[in-house]
């Protein structure tokens, strides 16, 4: 199961974290995990040089904390969130979304 945790304050993303594995196929052939990783690593690459964004990449988790008031950073986080939701629409049994307050 891929777990997506997120938090927003007044329509601004403050947290986006993704962890787990879909286990939709054998290791190395899991296209749901590959798609999720592509979304998240693309986001990390886009945010690497942005100030006030903390990125934590662990073995099985990517966690992004947004302390910025940048509209661009929020747009990037929102885009990744929408991409993950879109993936969930076709692969719902492999995802769990939780909004944190």
PDB file of N, CA and C in Angstrom:
ATOM      1  N   UNK A   1       0.835  -1.175   0.000  1.00  0.00           N
ATOM      2  CA  UNK A   1       0.000   0.000   0.000  1.00  0.00           C
ATOM      3  C   UNK A   1       0.884   1.244   0.000  1.00  0.00           C
ATOM      4  N   UNK A   2       0.578   2.169  -0.894  1.00  0.00           N
ATOM      5  CA  UNK A   2       1.272   3.453  -0.931  1.00  0.00           C
ATOM      6  C   UNK A   2       0.454   4.433  -0.104  1.00  0.00           C
ATOM      7  N   UNK A   3       1.098   5.044   0.873  1.00  0.00           N
ATOM      8  CA  UNK A   3       0.414   5.990   1.753  1.00  0.00           C
ATOM      9  C   UNK A   3       0.855   7.409   1.412  1.00  0.00           C
ATOM     10  N   UNK A   4      -0.131   8.235   1.147  1.00  0.00           N
ATOM     11  CA  UNK A   4       0.121   9.636   0.850  1.00  0.00           C
ATOM     12  C   UNK A   4      -0.437  10.452   2.008  1.00  0.00           C
ATOM     13  N   UNK A   5       0.441  11.201   2.656  1.00  0.00           N
ATOM     14  CA  UNK A   5       0.030  12.096   3.730  1.00  0.00           C
ATOM     15  C   UNK A   5       0.258  13.522   3.252  1.00  0.00           C
ATOM     16  N   UNK A   6      -0.700  14.372   3.553  1.00  0.00           N
ATOM     17  CA  UNK A   6      -0.548  15.759   3.151  1.00  0.00           C
ATOM     18  C   UNK A   6      -1.233  16.662   4.162  1.00  0.00           C
ATOM     19  N   UNK A   7      -0.808  17.910   4.156  1.00  0.00           N
ATOM     20  CA  UNK A   7      -1.422  18.924   5.009  1.00  0.00           C
ATOM     21  C   UNK A   7      -1.446  20.226   4.234  1.00  0.00           C
ATOM     22  N   UNK A   8      -2.522  20.944   4.433  1.00  0.00           N
ATOM     23  CA  UNK A   8      -2.682  22.253   3.801  1.00  0.00           C
ATOM     24  C   UNK A   8      -3.143  23.260   4.854  1.00  0.00           C
ATOM     25  N   UNK A   9      -2.672  24.463   4.692  1.00  0.00           N
ATOM     26  CA  UNK A   9      -3.130  25.557   5.535  1.00  0.00           C
ATOM     27  C   UNK A   9      -3.559  26.676   4.607  1.00  0.00           C
ATOM     28  N   UNK A  10      -4.864  26.926   4.585  1.00  0.00           N
ATOM     29  CA  UNK A  10      -5.420  27.957   3.705  1.00  0.00           C
ATOM     30  C   UNK A  10      -4.993  27.739   2.250  1.00  0.00           C
ATOM     31  N   UNK A  11      -5.211  26.536   1.745  1.00  0.00           N
ATOM     32  CA  UNK A  11      -4.908  26.150   0.359  1.00  0.00           C
ATOM     33  C   UNK A  11      -3.423  26.136   0.012  1.00  0.00           C
ATOM     34  N   UNK A  12      -2.561  26.197   1.011  1.00  0.00           N
ATOM     35  CA  UNK A  12      -1.120  26.098   0.775  1.00  0.00           C
ATOM     36  C   UNK A  12      -0.638  24.777   1.364  1.00  0.00           C
ATOM     37  N   UNK A  13       0.011  23.969   0.540  1.00  0.00           N
ATOM     38  CA  UNK A  13       0.543  22.698   1.018  1.00  0.00           C
ATOM     39  C   UNK A  13       1.698  22.949   1.975  1.00  0.00           C
ATOM     40  N   UNK A  14       1.623  22.344   3.153  1.00  0.00           N
ATOM     41  CA  UNK A  14       2.712  22.437   4.115  1.00  0.00           C
ATOM     42  C   UNK A  14       3.462  21.109   4.222  1.00  0.00           C
ATOM     43  N   UNK A  15       2.813  20.030   3.767  1.00  0.00           N
ATOM     44  CA  UNK A  15       3.408  18.694   3.845  1.00  0.00           C
ATOM     45  C   UNK A  15       2.909  17.845   2.693  1.00  0.00           C
ATOM     46  N   UNK A  16       3.813  17.094   2.094  1.00  0.00           N
ATOM     47  CA  UNK A  16       3.462  16.026   1.165  1.00  0.00           C
ATOM     48  C   UNK A  16       4.460  14.904   1.417  1.00  0.00           C
ATOM     49  N   UNK A  17       3.957  13.760   1.855  1.00  0.00           N
ATOM     50  CA  UNK A  17       4.822  12.617   2.162  1.00  0.00           C
ATOM     51  C   UNK A  17       4.230  11.363   1.524  1.00  0.00           C
ATOM     52  N   UNK A  18       5.086  10.560   0.945  1.00  0.00           N
ATOM     53  CA  UNK A  18       4.669   9.317   0.301  1.00  0.00           C
ATOM     54  C   UNK A  18       5.566   8.196   0.812  1.00  0.00           C
ATOM     55  N   UNK A  19       4.937   7.096   1.223  1.00  0.00           N
ATOM     56  CA  UNK A  19       5.705   5.954   1.724  1.00  0.00           C
ATOM     57  C   UNK A  19       5.018   4.657   1.324  1.00  0.00           C
ATOM     58  N   UNK A  20       5.743   3.572   1.467  1.00  0.00           N
ATOM     59  CA  UNK A  20       5.191   2.247   1.212  1.00  0.00           C
ATOM     60  C   UNK A  20       5.467   1.735  -0.194  1.00  0.00           C
ATOM     61  N   UNK A  21       4.883   0.579  -0.468  1.00  0.00           N
ATOM     62  CA  UNK A  21       4.998  -0.067  -1.778  1.00  0.00           C
ATOM     63  C   UNK A  21       3.626  -0.540  -2.216  1.00  0.00           C
ATOM     64  N   UNK A  22       3.370  -0.470  -3.500  1.00  0.00           N
ATOM     65  CA  UNK A  22       2.084  -0.915  -4.025  1.00  0.00           C
ATOM     66  C   UNK A  22       1.983  -2.434  -4.018  1.00  0.00           C
ATOM     67  N   UNK A  23       3.089  -3.105  -4.311  1.00  0.00           N
ATOM     68  CA  UNK A  23       3.086  -4.564  -4.463  1.00  0.00           C
ATOM     69  C   UNK A  23       2.073  -5.010  -5.515  1.00  0.00           C
ATOM     70  N   UNK A  24       1.993  -4.242  -6.597  1.00  0.00           N
ATOM     71  CA  UNK A  24       1.075  -4.603  -7.681  1.00  0.00           C
ATOM     72  C   UNK A  24       1.692  -5.631  -8.626  1.00  0.00           C
ATOM     73  N   UNK A  25       2.991  -5.844  -8.491  1.00  0.00           N
ATOM     74  CA  UNK A  25       3.695  -6.838  -9.299  1.00  0.00           C
ATOM     75  C   UNK A  25       5.000  -7.169  -8.579  1.00  0.00           C
ATOM     76  N   UNK A  26       5.794  -8.054  -9.168  1.00  0.00           N
ATOM     77  CA  UNK A  26       7.079  -8.430  -8.587  1.00  0.00           C
ATOM     78  C   UNK A  26       7.977  -7.196  -8.481  1.00  0.00           C
ATOM     79  N   UNK A  27       8.875  -7.229  -7.499  1.00  0.00           N
ATOM     80  CA  UNK A  27       9.832  -6.149  -7.323  1.00  0.00           C
ATOM     81  C   UNK A  27      10.577  -5.921  -8.642  1.00  0.00           C
ATOM     82  N   UNK A  28      10.680  -4.678  -9.034  1.00  0.00           N
ATOM     83  CA  UNK A  28      11.341  -4.337 -10.289  1.00  0.00           C
ATOM     84  C   UNK A  28      10.394  -4.285 -11.474  1.00  0.00           C
ATOM     85  N   UNK A  29       9.166  -4.785 -11.293  1.00  0.00           N
ATOM     86  CA  UNK A  29       8.169  -4.765 -12.370  1.00  0.00           C
ATOM     87  C   UNK A  29       6.884  -4.076 -11.931  1.00  0.00           C
ATOM     88  N   UNK A  30       6.927  -3.432 -10.783  1.00  0.00           N
ATOM     89  CA  UNK A  30       5.759  -2.791 -10.195  1.00  0.00           C
ATOM     90  C   UNK A  30       5.575  -1.409 -10.824  1.00  0.00           C
ATOM     91  N   UNK A  31       4.676  -1.312 -11.795  1.00  0.00           N
ATOM     92  CA  UNK A  31       4.484  -0.059 -12.510  1.00  0.00           C
ATOM     93  C   UNK A  31       3.804   1.013 -11.664  1.00  0.00           C
ATOM     94  N   UNK A  32       3.010   0.619 -10.684  1.00  0.00           N
ATOM     95  CA  UNK A  32       2.379   1.599  -9.798  1.00  0.00           C
ATOM     96  C   UNK A  32       3.449   2.282  -8.955  1.00  0.00           C
ATOM     97  N   UNK A  33       4.377   1.511  -8.424  1.00  0.00           N
ATOM     98  CA  UNK A  33       5.493   2.090  -7.663  1.00  0.00           C
ATOM     99  C   UNK A  33       6.379   2.944  -8.567  1.00  0.00           C
ATOM    100  N   UNK A  34       6.619   2.472  -9.774  1.00  0.00           N
ATOM    101  CA  UNK A  34       7.465   3.225 -10.699  1.00  0.00           C
ATOM    102  C   UNK A  34       6.834   4.580 -11.033  1.00  0.00           C
ATOM    103  N   UNK A  35       5.539   4.596 -11.263  1.00  0.00           N
ATOM    104  CA  UNK A  35       4.850   5.856 -11.569  1.00  0.00           C
ATOM    105  C   UNK A  35       4.885   6.798 -10.374  1.00  0.00           C
ATOM    106  N   UNK A  36       4.653   6.260  -9.189  1.00  0.00           N
ATOM    107  CA  UNK A  36       4.675   7.067  -7.972  1.00  0.00           C
ATOM    108  C   UNK A  36       6.067   7.643  -7.736  1.00  0.00           C
ATOM    109  N   UNK A  37       7.081   6.821  -7.905  1.00  0.00           N
ATOM    110  CA  UNK A  37       8.464   7.287  -7.728  1.00  0.00           C
ATOM    111  C   UNK A  37       8.809   8.376  -8.741  1.00  0.00           C
ATOM    112  N   UNK A  38       8.357   8.221  -9.962  1.00  0.00           N
ATOM    113  CA  UNK A  38       8.628   9.220 -10.996  1.00  0.00           C
ATOM    114  C   UNK A  38       8.026  10.562 -10.615  1.00  0.00           C
ATOM    115  N   UNK A  39       6.784  10.548 -10.127  1.00  0.00           N
ATOM    116  CA  UNK A  39       6.134  11.785  -9.697  1.00  0.00           C
ATOM    117  C   UNK A  39       6.927  12.435  -8.570  1.00  0.00           C
ATOM    118  N   UNK A  40       7.260  11.645  -7.560  1.00  0.00           N
ATOM    119  CA  UNK A  40       7.896  12.214  -6.366  1.00  0.00           C
ATOM    120  C   UNK A  40       9.339  12.651  -6.616  1.00  0.00           C
ATOM    121  N   UNK A  41      10.107  11.870  -7.363  1.00  0.00           N
ATOM    122  CA  UNK A  41      11.488  12.284  -7.627  1.00  0.00           C
ATOM    123  C   UNK A  41      11.536  13.477  -8.574  1.00  0.00           C
ATOM    124  N   UNK A  42      10.590  13.559  -9.511  1.00  0.00           N
ATOM    125  CA  UNK A  42      10.488  14.750 -10.353  1.00  0.00           C
ATOM    126  C   UNK A  42      10.199  15.982  -9.515  1.00  0.00           C
ATOM    127  N   UNK A  43       9.292  15.839  -8.533  1.00  0.00           N
ATOM    128  CA  UNK A  43       8.984  16.937  -7.623  1.00  0.00           C
ATOM    129  C   UNK A  43      10.218  17.333  -6.818  1.00  0.00           C
ATOM    130  N   UNK A  44      10.910  16.359  -6.272  1.00  0.00           N
ATOM    131  CA  UNK A  44      12.129  16.647  -5.494  1.00  0.00           C
ATOM    132  C   UNK A  44      13.155  17.389  -6.343  1.00  0.00           C
ATOM    133  N   UNK A  45      13.332  16.955  -7.583  1.00  0.00           N
ATOM    134  CA  UNK A  45      14.285  17.636  -8.469  1.00  0.00           C
ATOM    135  C   UNK A  45      13.870  19.080  -8.718  1.00  0.00           C
ATOM    136  N   UNK A  46      12.569  19.320  -8.880  1.00  0.00           N
ATOM    137  CA  UNK A  46      12.083  20.674  -9.124  1.00  0.00           C
ATOM    138  C   UNK A  46      12.248  21.569  -7.893  1.00  0.00           C
ATOM    139  N   UNK A  47      12.161  20.972  -6.710  1.00  0.00           N
ATOM    140  CA  UNK A  47      12.216  21.748  -5.468  1.00  0.00           C
ATOM    141  C   UNK A  47      13.609  21.865  -4.855  1.00  0.00           C
ATOM    142  N   UNK A  48      14.574  21.158  -5.401  1.00  0.00           N
ATOM    143  CA  UNK A  48      15.908  21.072  -4.803  1.00  0.00           C
ATOM    144  C   UNK A  48      16.508  22.434  -4.479  1.00  0.00           C
ATOM    145  N   UNK A  49      16.356  23.386  -5.343  1.00  0.00           N
ATOM    146  CA  UNK A  49      17.008  24.683  -5.150  1.00  0.00           C
ATOM    147  C   UNK A  49      16.099  25.725  -4.522  1.00  0.00           C
ATOM    148  N   UNK A  50      14.917  25.331  -4.113  1.00  0.00           N
ATOM    149  CA  UNK A  50      13.977  26.285  -3.513  1.00  0.00           C
ATOM    150  C   UNK A  50      14.283  26.454  -2.030  1.00  0.00           C
ATOM    151  N   UNK A  51      14.192  27.676  -1.563  1.00  0.00           N
ATOM    152  CA  UNK A  51      14.433  27.965  -0.151  1.00  0.00           C
ATOM    153  C   UNK A  51      13.224  27.592   0.687  1.00  0.00           C
ATOM    154  N   UNK A  52      13.455  27.323   1.927  1.00  0.00           N
ATOM    155  CA  UNK A  52      12.402  27.021   2.898  1.00  0.00           C
ATOM    156  C   UNK A  52      11.593  25.773   2.553  1.00  0.00           C
ATOM    157  N   UNK A  53      12.211  24.847   1.846  1.00  0.00           N
ATOM    158  CA  UNK A  53      11.592  23.552   1.562  1.00  0.00           C
ATOM    159  C   UNK A  53      12.543  22.477   2.068  1.00  0.00           C
ATOM    160  N   UNK A  54      12.053  21.643   2.969  1.00  0.00           N
ATOM    161  CA  UNK A  54      12.861  20.554   3.505  1.00  0.00           C
ATOM    162  C   UNK A  54      12.446  19.253   2.835  1.00  0.00           C
ATOM    163  N   UNK A  55      13.408  18.588   2.235  1.00  0.00           N
ATOM    164  CA  UNK A  55      13.161  17.328   1.550  1.00  0.00           C
ATOM    165  C   UNK A  55      13.918  16.229   2.278  1.00  0.00           C
ATOM    166  N   UNK A  56      13.189  15.194   2.656  1.00  0.00           N
ATOM    167  CA  UNK A  56      13.788  14.045   3.332  1.00  0.00           C
ATOM    168  C   UNK A  56      13.514  12.811   2.471  1.00  0.00           C
ATOM    169  N   UNK A  57      14.585  12.184   1.991  1.00  0.00           N
ATOM    170  CA  UNK A  57      14.455  10.986   1.165  1.00  0.00           C
ATOM    171  C   UNK A  57      15.053   9.818   1.936  1.00  0.00           C
ATOM    172  N   UNK A  58      14.205   8.890   2.291  1.00  0.00           N
ATOM    173  CA  UNK A  58      14.623   7.684   3.010  1.00  0.00           C
ATOM    174  C   UNK A  58      14.454   6.481   2.095  1.00  0.00           C
ATOM    175  N   UNK A  59      14.744   5.305   2.600  1.00  0.00           N
ATOM    176  CA  UNK A  59      14.659   4.087   1.800  1.00  0.00           C
ATOM    177  C   UNK A  59      13.260   3.860   1.246  1.00  0.00           C
ATOM    178  N   UNK A  60      12.260   4.163   2.022  1.00  0.00           N
ATOM    179  CA  UNK A  60      10.898   3.846   1.615  1.00  0.00           C
ATOM    180  C   UNK A  60       9.946   5.022   1.847  1.00  0.00           C
ATOM    181  N   UNK A  61      10.498   6.252   1.843  1.00  0.00           N
ATOM    182  CA  UNK A  61       9.648   7.406   2.117  1.00  0.00           C
ATOM    183  C   UNK A  61      10.281   8.677   1.580  1.00  0.00           C
ATOM    184  N   UNK A  62       9.440   9.522   1.025  1.00  0.00           N
ATOM    185  CA  UNK A  62       9.851  10.873   0.643  1.00  0.00           C
ATOM    186  C   UNK A  62       8.921  11.821   1.382  1.00  0.00           C
ATOM    187  N   UNK A  63       9.518  12.755   2.108  1.00  0.00           N
ATOM    188  CA  UNK A  63       8.740  13.705   2.897  1.00  0.00           C
ATOM    189  C   UNK A  63       9.196  15.114   2.538  1.00  0.00           C
ATOM    190  N   UNK A  64       8.237  15.954   2.188  1.00  0.00           N
ATOM    191  CA  UNK A  64       8.532  17.330   1.811  1.00  0.00           C
ATOM    192  C   UNK A  64       7.748  18.255   2.739  1.00  0.00           C
ATOM    193  N   UNK A  65       8.485  19.115   3.435  1.00  0.00           N
ATOM    194  CA  UNK A  65       7.892  20.126   4.299  1.00  0.00           C
ATOM    195  C   UNK A  65       8.076  21.480   3.628  1.00  0.00           C
ATOM    196  N   UNK A  66       6.985  22.197   3.467  1.00  0.00           N
ATOM    197  CA  UNK A  66       7.025  23.498   2.816  1.00  0.00           C
ATOM    198  C   UNK A  66       6.861  24.595   3.855  1.00  0.00           C
ATOM    199  N   UNK A  67       7.910  25.360   4.069  1.00  0.00           N
ATOM    200  CA  UNK A  67       7.874  26.511   4.964  1.00  0.00           C
ATOM    201  C   UNK A  67       7.933  27.806   4.169  1.00  0.00           C
ATOM    202  N   UNK A  68       7.753  27.691   2.883  1.00  0.00           N
ATOM    203  CA  UNK A  68       7.881  28.823   1.974  1.00  0.00           C
ATOM    204  C   UNK A  68       6.516  29.461   1.724  1.00  0.00           C
ATOM    205  N   UNK A  69       6.534  30.729   1.361  1.00  0.00           N
ATOM    206  CA  UNK A  69       5.299  31.377   0.939  1.00  0.00           C
ATOM    207  C   UNK A  69       5.277  31.529  -0.584  1.00  0.00           C
ATOM    208  N   UNK A  70       6.162  30.798  -1.244  1.00  0.00           N
ATOM    209  CA  UNK A  70       6.279  30.859  -2.698  1.00  0.00           C
ATOM    210  C   UNK A  70       5.084  30.192  -3.380  1.00  0.00           C
ATOM    211  N   UNK A  71       4.466  30.934  -4.268  1.00  0.00           N
ATOM    212  CA  UNK A  71       3.353  30.397  -5.051  1.00  0.00           C
ATOM    213  C   UNK A  71       3.834  29.278  -5.973  1.00  0.00           C
ATOM    214  N   UNK A  72       5.046  29.410  -6.484  1.00  0.00           N
ATOM    215  CA  UNK A  72       5.610  28.389  -7.379  1.00  0.00           C
ATOM    216  C   UNK A  72       5.776  27.064  -6.631  1.00  0.00           C
ATOM    217  N   UNK A  73       6.311  27.114  -5.418  1.00  0.00           N
ATOM    218  CA  UNK A  73       6.485  25.894  -4.622  1.00  0.00           C
ATOM    219  C   UNK A  73       5.127  25.250  -4.370  1.00  0.00           C
ATOM    220  N   UNK A  74       4.143  26.032  -3.993  1.00  0.00           N
ATOM    221  CA  UNK A  74       2.816  25.481  -3.749  1.00  0.00           C
ATOM    222  C   UNK A  74       2.234  24.879  -5.023  1.00  0.00           C
ATOM    223  N   UNK A  75       2.453  25.533  -6.157  1.00  0.00           N
ATOM    224  CA  UNK A  75       1.958  24.993  -7.432  1.00  0.00           C
ATOM    225  C   UNK A  75       2.611  23.644  -7.742  1.00  0.00           C
ATOM    226  N   UNK A  76       3.915  23.517  -7.482  1.00  0.00           N
ATOM    227  CA  UNK A  76       4.606  22.242  -7.705  1.00  0.00           C
ATOM    228  C   UNK A  76       4.010  21.141  -6.819  1.00  0.00           C
ATOM    229  N   UNK A  77       3.805  21.461  -5.543  1.00  0.00           N
ATOM    230  CA  UNK A  77       3.241  20.475  -4.613  1.00  0.00           C
ATOM    231  C   UNK A  77       1.817  20.097  -5.021  1.00  0.00           C
ATOM    232  N   UNK A  78       1.043  21.089  -5.420  1.00  0.00           N
ATOM    233  CA  UNK A  78      -0.327  20.821  -5.860  1.00  0.00           C
ATOM    234  C   UNK A  78      -0.345  19.944  -7.111  1.00  0.00           C
ATOM    235  N   UNK A  79       0.555  20.211  -8.047  1.00  0.00           N
ATOM    236  CA  UNK A  79       0.637  19.405  -9.262  1.00  0.00           C
ATOM    237  C   UNK A  79       0.961  17.945  -8.939  1.00  0.00           C
ATOM    238  N   UNK A  80       1.933  17.726  -8.070  1.00  0.00           N
ATOM    239  CA  UNK A  80       2.295  16.355  -7.687  1.00  0.00           C
ATOM    240  C   UNK A  80       1.120  15.674  -6.993  1.00  0.00           C
ATOM    241  N   UNK A  81       0.426  16.397  -6.134  1.00  0.00           N
ATOM    242  CA  UNK A  81      -0.750  15.857  -5.445  1.00  0.00           C
ATOM    243  C   UNK A  81      -1.817  15.435  -6.462  1.00  0.00           C
ATOM    244  N   UNK A  82      -2.076  16.282  -7.444  1.00  0.00           N
ATOM    245  CA  UNK A  82      -3.058  15.953  -8.485  1.00  0.00           C
ATOM    246  C   UNK A  82      -2.611  14.736  -9.285  1.00  0.00           C
ATOM    247  N   UNK A  83      -1.324  14.638  -9.591  1.00  0.00           N
ATOM    248  CA  UNK A  83      -0.817  13.473 -10.322  1.00  0.00           C
ATOM    249  C   UNK A  83      -1.011  12.196  -9.511  1.00  0.00           C
ATOM    250  N   UNK A  84      -0.745  12.264  -8.214  1.00  0.00           N
ATOM    251  CA  UNK A  84      -0.938  11.091  -7.349  1.00  0.00           C
ATOM    252  C   UNK A  84      -2.424  10.713  -7.269  1.00  0.00           C
ATOM    253  N   UNK A  85      -3.293  11.705  -7.174  1.00  0.00           N
ATOM    254  CA  UNK A  85      -4.737  11.427  -7.173  1.00  0.00           C
ATOM    255  C   UNK A  85      -5.183  10.794  -8.484  1.00  0.00           C
ATOM    256  N   UNK A  86      -4.633  11.264  -9.583  1.00  0.00           N
ATOM    257  CA  UNK A  86      -4.960  10.716 -10.899  1.00  0.00           C
ATOM    258  C   UNK A  86      -4.531   9.260 -10.989  1.00  0.00           C
ATOM    259  N   UNK A  87      -3.351   8.955 -10.478  1.00  0.00           N
ATOM    260  CA  UNK A  87      -2.871   7.574 -10.449  1.00  0.00           C
ATOM    261  C   UNK A  87      -3.777   6.713  -9.572  1.00  0.00           C
ATOM    262  N   UNK A  88      -4.195   7.267  -8.452  1.00  0.00           N
ATOM    263  CA  UNK A  88      -5.095   6.540  -7.544  1.00  0.00           C
ATOM    264  C   UNK A  88      -6.423   6.199  -8.219  1.00  0.00           C
ATOM    265  N   UNK A  89      -6.907   7.072  -9.095  1.00  0.00           N
ATOM    266  CA  UNK A  89      -8.183   6.828  -9.766  1.00  0.00           C
ATOM    267  C   UNK A  89      -8.176   5.519 -10.546  1.00  0.00           C
ATOM    268  N   UNK A  90      -7.052   5.180 -11.140  1.00  0.00           N
ATOM    269  CA  UNK A  90      -6.992   3.934 -11.914  1.00  0.00           C
ATOM    270  C   UNK A  90      -6.405   2.769 -11.127  1.00  0.00           C
ATOM    271  N   UNK A  91      -5.799   3.065  -9.982  1.00  0.00           N
ATOM    272  CA  UNK A  91      -5.139   2.026  -9.184  1.00  0.00           C
ATOM    273  C   UNK A  91      -5.530   2.166  -7.713  1.00  0.00           C
ATOM    274  N   UNK A  92      -6.791   2.343  -7.435  1.00  0.00           N
ATOM    275  CA  UNK A  92      -7.261   2.718  -6.098  1.00  0.00           C
ATOM    276  C   UNK A  92      -6.916   1.712  -5.002  1.00  0.00           C
ATOM    277  N   UNK A  93      -6.803   0.447  -5.341  1.00  0.00           N
ATOM    278  CA  UNK A  93      -6.537  -0.557  -4.302  1.00  0.00           C
ATOM    279  C   UNK A  93      -5.106  -0.484  -3.763  1.00  0.00           C
ATOM    280  N   UNK A  94      -4.256   0.331  -4.377  1.00  0.00           N
ATOM    281  CA  UNK A  94      -2.858   0.418  -3.955  1.00  0.00           C
ATOM    282  C   UNK A  94      -2.531   1.713  -3.207  1.00  0.00           C
ATOM    283  N   UNK A  95      -3.533   2.576  -2.998  1.00  0.00           N
ATOM    284  CA  UNK A  95      -3.285   3.888  -2.403  1.00  0.00           C
ATOM    285  C   UNK A  95      -4.167   4.152  -1.192  1.00  0.00           C
ATOM    286  N   UNK A  96      -3.599   4.922  -0.279  1.00  0.00           N
ATOM    287  CA  UNK A  96      -4.335   5.443   0.874  1.00  0.00           C
ATOM    288  C   UNK A  96      -3.908   6.898   1.043  1.00  0.00           C
ATOM    289  N   UNK A  97      -4.861   7.804   1.056  1.00  0.00           N
ATOM    290  CA  UNK A  97      -4.595   9.223   1.231  1.00  0.00           C
ATOM    291  C   UNK A  97      -5.099   9.665   2.603  1.00  0.00           C
ATOM    292  N   UNK A  98      -4.267  10.422   3.331  1.00  0.00           N
ATOM    293  CA  UNK A  98      -4.644  10.922   4.649  1.00  0.00           C
ATOM    294  C   UNK A  98      -4.262  12.388   4.757  1.00  0.00           C
ATOM    295  N   UNK A  99      -5.263  13.200   5.077  1.00  0.00           N
ATOM    296  CA  UNK A  99      -4.977  14.616   5.294  1.00  0.00           C
ATOM    297  C   UNK A  99      -4.707  14.828   6.781  1.00  0.00           C
ATOM    298  N   UNK A 100      -3.601  15.486   7.063  1.00  0.00           N
ATOM    299  CA  UNK A 100      -3.239  15.810   8.447  1.00  0.00           C
ATOM    300  C   UNK A 100      -3.618  17.252   8.734  1.00  0.00           C
ATOM    301  N   UNK A 101      -3.948  17.494   9.964  1.00  0.00           N
ATOM    302  CA  UNK A 101      -4.304  18.882  10.316  1.00  0.00           C
ATOM    303  C   UNK A 101      -3.149  19.596  10.972  1.00  0.00           C
TER     304      UNK A 101
END
